[in-house]
Each structure stands twice: as structure tokens, then as C-alpha cells.
């Protein structure tokens, strides 16, 4: 995996984030999350009742590395809203419990 491939994938990430109001990078997909943290974030987004786009980092090792570099955040899932990195599972859970997440997503 070259840095050139990673940089190309970062451009794709930027396009995804620019194209979708709510973008989730996760393990698995919306219908079948492949880790507990991704499952929890999908559940929260569904509870809030918002539509979101998701990409499965398990299908693309370059994407999996590139998203970590793109956000400077070491873990998956990662949520972006209106082009801004919001955080991973713990931050999303805290925002949801406080009611702040629903405000950000509406």
C-alpha cells in the first residue's frame, strides 16, 4: 500500500463527505455492522431518524488506512456531518445521550 494510493483514497473520502450530509465510515454496512462500535453508531443514527451514507472499511484496506490519516483519528467508526468530523463511537454516544447529536443532525 503506497502513500500515493492512500492520498487518492483521501480525495475520494473528501468527495464522499462533500456529497453526503451525514457520512459514516464503519466496519460492515448499515444492515449488518461487523463490530459493536459500528453497530452502536448505526443504532443511534437510526434512533435519531436521519438518513446517512455509509462506507465499509473492511472491504477496502486502503480506505481503512486513509480514513485514519484523513481524520487523524485512530479508530473506526468515524462520523462526518456537514463535512465536519464529529468523532467515533464514544463521542457519538455522549452527544446522543446529551441530546446534542440530534441538534447537529437536523
N, C-alpha and C. Protein backbone atom coordinates (compact mmCIF):
# COMPACT_ATOMS: atom_id res chain seq x y z
N UNK A 1 0.86 -1.18 0.00
CA UNK A 1 0.00 0.00 0.00
C UNK A 1 0.90 1.24 0.00
N UNK A 2 0.81 2.00 -1.06
CA UNK A 2 1.67 3.17 -1.19
C UNK A 2 0.96 4.42 -0.66
N UNK A 3 1.75 5.40 -0.35
CA UNK A 3 1.18 6.68 0.09
C UNK A 3 0.37 7.32 -1.03
N UNK A 4 0.76 7.07 -2.26
CA UNK A 4 0.02 7.61 -3.41
C UNK A 4 -1.41 7.05 -3.44
N UNK A 5 -1.54 5.74 -3.20
CA UNK A 5 -2.87 5.13 -3.14
C UNK A 5 -3.69 5.71 -2.00
N UNK A 6 -3.05 5.89 -0.86
CA UNK A 6 -3.74 6.46 0.30
C UNK A 6 -4.20 7.88 -0.01
N UNK A 7 -3.34 8.67 -0.65
CA UNK A 7 -3.71 10.05 -0.98
C UNK A 7 -4.87 10.10 -1.97
N UNK A 8 -4.88 9.18 -2.94
CA UNK A 8 -6.01 9.11 -3.88
C UNK A 8 -7.29 8.79 -3.12
N UNK A 9 -7.20 7.88 -2.16
CA UNK A 9 -8.37 7.48 -1.39
C UNK A 9 -8.85 8.64 -0.51
N UNK A 10 -7.92 9.45 -0.01
CA UNK A 10 -8.31 10.63 0.78
C UNK A 10 -9.12 11.60 -0.07
N UNK A 11 -8.78 11.72 -1.35
CA UNK A 11 -9.57 12.57 -2.26
C UNK A 11 -10.99 12.01 -2.39
N UNK A 12 -11.11 10.68 -2.49
CA UNK A 12 -12.42 10.05 -2.56
C UNK A 12 -13.22 10.30 -1.27
N UNK A 13 -12.53 10.24 -0.14
CA UNK A 13 -13.18 10.50 1.16
C UNK A 13 -13.73 11.92 1.17
N UNK A 14 -12.93 12.87 0.73
CA UNK A 14 -13.37 14.26 0.71
C UNK A 14 -14.61 14.41 -0.17
N UNK A 15 -14.63 13.74 -1.32
CA UNK A 15 -15.80 13.79 -2.21
C UNK A 15 -17.03 13.21 -1.52
N UNK A 16 -16.86 12.09 -0.83
CA UNK A 16 -17.97 11.46 -0.10
C UNK A 16 -18.53 12.42 0.95
N UNK A 17 -17.63 13.02 1.71
CA UNK A 17 -18.04 13.91 2.80
C UNK A 17 -18.72 15.15 2.24
N UNK A 18 -18.23 15.64 1.11
CA UNK A 18 -18.84 16.82 0.47
C UNK A 18 -20.21 16.48 -0.12
N UNK A 19 -20.39 15.23 -0.55
CA UNK A 19 -21.61 14.82 -1.26
C UNK A 19 -22.74 14.38 -0.34
N UNK A 20 -22.43 14.05 0.91
CA UNK A 20 -23.44 13.50 1.81
C UNK A 20 -23.45 14.28 3.11
N UNK A 21 -24.64 14.72 3.52
CA UNK A 21 -24.78 15.49 4.76
C UNK A 21 -24.25 14.69 5.95
N UNK A 22 -24.58 13.40 5.99
CA UNK A 22 -24.14 12.53 7.09
C UNK A 22 -23.44 11.33 6.48
N UNK A 23 -22.16 11.19 6.78
CA UNK A 23 -21.32 10.14 6.20
C UNK A 23 -20.67 9.36 7.33
N UNK A 24 -20.86 8.04 7.32
CA UNK A 24 -20.28 7.17 8.35
C UNK A 24 -19.32 6.18 7.71
N UNK A 25 -18.11 6.15 8.21
CA UNK A 25 -17.13 5.13 7.84
C UNK A 25 -17.16 4.11 8.96
N UNK A 26 -17.44 2.86 8.59
CA UNK A 26 -17.72 1.84 9.60
C UNK A 26 -17.19 0.48 9.17
N UNK A 27 -17.24 -0.47 10.09
CA UNK A 27 -16.94 -1.86 9.78
C UNK A 27 -18.27 -2.56 9.52
N UNK A 28 -18.41 -3.06 8.29
CA UNK A 28 -19.67 -3.64 7.87
C UNK A 28 -20.50 -2.60 7.16
N UNK A 29 -21.82 -2.86 7.09
CA UNK A 29 -22.71 -1.90 6.44
C UNK A 29 -23.90 -1.62 7.35
N UNK A 30 -24.77 -0.72 6.90
CA UNK A 30 -25.91 -0.30 7.73
C UNK A 30 -26.78 -1.48 8.15
N UNK A 31 -26.92 -2.45 7.25
CA UNK A 31 -27.79 -3.60 7.52
C UNK A 31 -27.08 -4.68 8.35
N UNK A 32 -25.75 -4.71 8.27
CA UNK A 32 -25.01 -5.72 9.01
C UNK A 32 -23.68 -5.17 9.51
N UNK A 33 -23.72 -4.36 10.56
CA UNK A 33 -22.46 -3.87 11.15
C UNK A 33 -21.62 -5.05 11.62
N UNK A 34 -20.30 -4.92 11.44
CA UNK A 34 -19.40 -6.03 11.76
C UNK A 34 -18.58 -5.81 13.03
N UNK A 35 -18.94 -4.79 13.81
CA UNK A 35 -18.33 -4.63 15.13
C UNK A 35 -19.33 -3.91 16.03
N UNK A 36 -19.16 -4.08 17.31
CA UNK A 36 -20.10 -3.49 18.26
C UNK A 36 -20.15 -1.98 18.20
N UNK A 37 -19.00 -1.35 17.99
CA UNK A 37 -18.96 0.11 17.95
C UNK A 37 -19.70 0.65 16.72
N UNK A 38 -19.47 0.03 15.57
CA UNK A 38 -20.19 0.44 14.36
C UNK A 38 -21.69 0.19 14.54
N UNK A 39 -22.03 -0.95 15.14
CA UNK A 39 -23.44 -1.27 15.38
C UNK A 39 -24.09 -0.21 16.26
N UNK A 40 -23.38 0.23 17.29
CA UNK A 40 -23.95 1.22 18.20
C UNK A 40 -24.20 2.55 17.49
N UNK A 41 -23.26 2.99 16.65
CA UNK A 41 -23.43 4.26 15.94
C UNK A 41 -24.58 4.16 14.93
N UNK A 42 -24.69 3.04 14.22
CA UNK A 42 -25.81 2.84 13.29
C UNK A 42 -27.13 2.89 14.07
N UNK A 43 -27.17 2.22 15.20
CA UNK A 43 -28.38 2.21 16.03
C UNK A 43 -28.76 3.63 16.46
N UNK A 44 -27.78 4.40 16.90
CA UNK A 44 -28.02 5.78 17.32
C UNK A 44 -28.56 6.61 16.16
N UNK A 45 -27.93 6.51 15.00
CA UNK A 45 -28.39 7.28 13.84
C UNK A 45 -29.81 6.89 13.46
N UNK A 46 -30.12 5.60 13.55
CA UNK A 46 -31.47 5.15 13.26
C UNK A 46 -32.46 5.67 14.31
N UNK A 47 -32.05 5.72 15.57
CA UNK A 47 -32.90 6.23 16.64
C UNK A 47 -33.21 7.72 16.42
N UNK A 48 -32.20 8.46 15.97
CA UNK A 48 -32.40 9.89 15.71
C UNK A 48 -33.30 10.08 14.48
N UNK A 49 -33.31 9.08 13.59
CA UNK A 49 -34.20 9.12 12.44
C UNK A 49 -33.66 9.90 11.26
N UNK A 50 -32.36 9.83 11.05
CA UNK A 50 -31.74 10.54 9.94
C UNK A 50 -31.27 9.54 8.87
N UNK A 51 -31.27 10.02 7.63
CA UNK A 51 -30.69 9.23 6.55
C UNK A 51 -29.20 9.51 6.52
N UNK A 52 -28.43 8.48 6.26
CA UNK A 52 -26.98 8.65 6.19
C UNK A 52 -26.39 7.68 5.19
N UNK A 53 -25.24 8.06 4.68
CA UNK A 53 -24.48 7.19 3.78
C UNK A 53 -23.40 6.52 4.62
N UNK A 54 -23.05 5.28 4.24
CA UNK A 54 -22.01 4.56 4.99
C UNK A 54 -21.07 3.86 4.01
N UNK A 55 -19.81 3.76 4.42
CA UNK A 55 -18.81 3.01 3.66
C UNK A 55 -18.19 1.97 4.59
N UNK A 56 -18.02 0.78 4.06
CA UNK A 56 -17.45 -0.34 4.80
C UNK A 56 -15.94 -0.37 4.61
N UNK A 57 -15.20 -0.07 5.67
CA UNK A 57 -13.73 -0.05 5.58
C UNK A 57 -13.15 -1.46 5.51
N UNK A 58 -13.94 -2.48 5.86
CA UNK A 58 -13.43 -3.85 5.80
C UNK A 58 -13.29 -4.34 4.36
N UNK A 59 -13.99 -3.69 3.43
CA UNK A 59 -13.91 -4.09 2.02
C UNK A 59 -12.72 -3.45 1.30
N UNK A 60 -12.05 -2.52 1.96
CA UNK A 60 -11.02 -1.74 1.27
C UNK A 60 -9.93 -1.35 2.27
N UNK A 61 -8.83 -2.08 2.25
CA UNK A 61 -7.74 -1.84 3.21
C UNK A 61 -7.13 -0.45 3.03
N UNK A 62 -7.09 0.04 1.79
CA UNK A 62 -6.55 1.38 1.55
C UNK A 62 -7.48 2.42 2.20
N UNK A 63 -8.79 2.25 2.03
CA UNK A 63 -9.75 3.15 2.66
C UNK A 63 -9.59 3.11 4.18
N UNK A 64 -9.42 1.93 4.72
CA UNK A 64 -9.30 1.77 6.18
C UNK A 64 -8.11 2.58 6.71
N UNK A 65 -7.00 2.57 5.99
CA UNK A 65 -5.83 3.34 6.41
C UNK A 65 -6.03 4.83 6.12
N UNK A 66 -6.59 5.12 4.95
CA UNK A 66 -6.72 6.52 4.53
C UNK A 66 -7.65 7.31 5.44
N UNK A 67 -8.74 6.69 5.90
CA UNK A 67 -9.68 7.43 6.74
C UNK A 67 -9.05 7.79 8.08
N UNK A 68 -8.19 6.92 8.58
CA UNK A 68 -7.50 7.20 9.85
C UNK A 68 -6.53 8.38 9.69
N UNK A 69 -5.85 8.43 8.56
CA UNK A 69 -4.95 9.55 8.29
C UNK A 69 -5.75 10.83 8.00
N UNK A 70 -6.84 10.68 7.26
CA UNK A 70 -7.65 11.83 6.87
C UNK A 70 -8.14 12.60 8.09
N UNK A 71 -8.62 11.87 9.07
CA UNK A 71 -9.21 12.49 10.27
C UNK A 71 -8.21 12.67 11.39
N UNK A 72 -7.06 12.01 11.27
CA UNK A 72 -6.09 11.95 12.38
C UNK A 72 -6.76 11.33 13.61
N UNK A 73 -7.57 10.30 13.35
CA UNK A 73 -8.32 9.60 14.40
C UNK A 73 -8.06 8.10 14.19
N UNK A 74 -7.62 7.38 15.22
CA UNK A 74 -7.11 6.02 15.01
C UNK A 74 -8.16 4.92 14.90
N UNK A 75 -9.42 5.21 15.20
CA UNK A 75 -10.40 4.13 15.28
C UNK A 75 -11.56 4.31 14.31
N UNK A 76 -12.25 3.22 14.08
CA UNK A 76 -13.45 3.15 13.25
C UNK A 76 -14.57 2.72 14.20
N UNK A 77 -15.76 3.23 14.11
CA UNK A 77 -16.34 4.09 13.09
C UNK A 77 -15.96 5.56 13.24
N UNK A 78 -16.21 6.30 12.16
CA UNK A 78 -16.00 7.75 12.14
C UNK A 78 -17.20 8.40 11.47
N UNK A 79 -17.74 9.41 12.13
CA UNK A 79 -18.93 10.09 11.62
C UNK A 79 -18.59 11.51 11.21
N UNK A 80 -19.08 11.88 10.01
CA UNK A 80 -18.93 13.23 9.48
C UNK A 80 -20.31 13.81 9.24
N UNK A 81 -20.52 15.05 9.65
CA UNK A 81 -21.79 15.74 9.45
C UNK A 81 -21.49 17.11 8.84
N UNK A 82 -22.13 17.39 7.72
CA UNK A 82 -21.91 18.66 7.01
C UNK A 82 -20.43 18.91 6.77
N UNK A 83 -19.70 17.86 6.39
CA UNK A 83 -18.29 17.99 6.06
C UNK A 83 -17.36 18.04 7.25
N UNK A 84 -17.89 17.94 8.45
CA UNK A 84 -17.07 18.07 9.66
C UNK A 84 -16.97 16.73 10.39
N UNK A 85 -15.76 16.37 10.80
CA UNK A 85 -15.56 15.16 11.58
C UNK A 85 -16.15 15.35 12.97
N UNK A 86 -17.08 14.48 13.36
CA UNK A 86 -17.73 14.56 14.66
C UNK A 86 -17.01 13.69 15.68
N UNK A 87 -16.70 12.46 15.31
CA UNK A 87 -15.98 11.58 16.24
C UNK A 87 -16.31 10.13 16.00
N UNK A 88 -15.87 9.33 16.98
CA UNK A 88 -16.10 7.89 16.95
C UNK A 88 -17.25 7.52 17.86
N UNK A 89 -17.32 6.25 18.19
CA UNK A 89 -18.45 5.69 18.94
C UNK A 89 -18.67 6.38 20.28
N UNK A 90 -17.62 6.55 21.07
CA UNK A 90 -17.79 7.14 22.41
C UNK A 90 -18.33 8.56 22.33
N UNK A 91 -17.78 9.36 21.42
CA UNK A 91 -18.22 10.75 21.27
C UNK A 91 -19.66 10.79 20.77
N UNK A 92 -19.99 9.96 19.79
CA UNK A 92 -21.35 9.92 19.25
C UNK A 92 -22.33 9.52 20.33
N UNK A 93 -21.96 8.53 21.15
CA UNK A 93 -22.83 8.08 22.23
C UNK A 93 -23.06 9.20 23.24
N UNK A 94 -21.99 9.91 23.61
CA UNK A 94 -22.13 11.02 24.57
C UNK A 94 -23.02 12.12 23.99
N UNK A 95 -22.81 12.47 22.72
CA UNK A 95 -23.62 13.50 22.08
C UNK A 95 -25.08 13.08 22.00
N UNK A 96 -25.31 11.80 21.73
CA UNK A 96 -26.68 11.28 21.65
C UNK A 96 -27.36 11.37 23.02
N UNK A 97 -26.66 10.93 24.06
CA UNK A 97 -27.24 10.91 25.40
C UNK A 97 -27.53 12.32 25.91
N UNK A 98 -26.72 13.28 25.50
CA UNK A 98 -26.92 14.66 25.95
C UNK A 98 -27.98 15.40 25.12
N UNK A 99 -28.37 14.80 23.98
CA UNK A 99 -29.32 15.45 23.09
C UNK A 99 -28.66 16.34 22.04
N UNK A 100 -27.36 16.54 22.16
CA UNK A 100 -26.66 17.43 21.22
C UNK A 100 -26.56 16.83 19.82
N UNK A 101 -26.52 15.52 19.72
CA UNK A 101 -26.37 14.90 18.40
C UNK A 101 -27.59 15.18 17.52
N UNK A 102 -28.77 15.03 18.08
CA UNK A 102 -29.99 15.29 17.31
C UNK A 102 -29.99 16.71 16.78
N UNK A 103 -29.52 17.67 17.59
CA UNK A 103 -29.45 19.06 17.15
C UNK A 103 -28.50 19.22 15.98
N UNK A 104 -27.34 18.53 16.04
CA UNK A 104 -26.35 18.63 14.97
C UNK A 104 -26.85 18.01 13.68
N UNK A 105 -27.65 16.95 13.79
CA UNK A 105 -28.06 16.19 12.61
C UNK A 105 -29.28 16.76 11.92
N UNK A 106 -30.06 17.56 12.59
CA UNK A 106 -31.29 18.09 12.00
C UNK A 106 -31.01 19.24 11.05
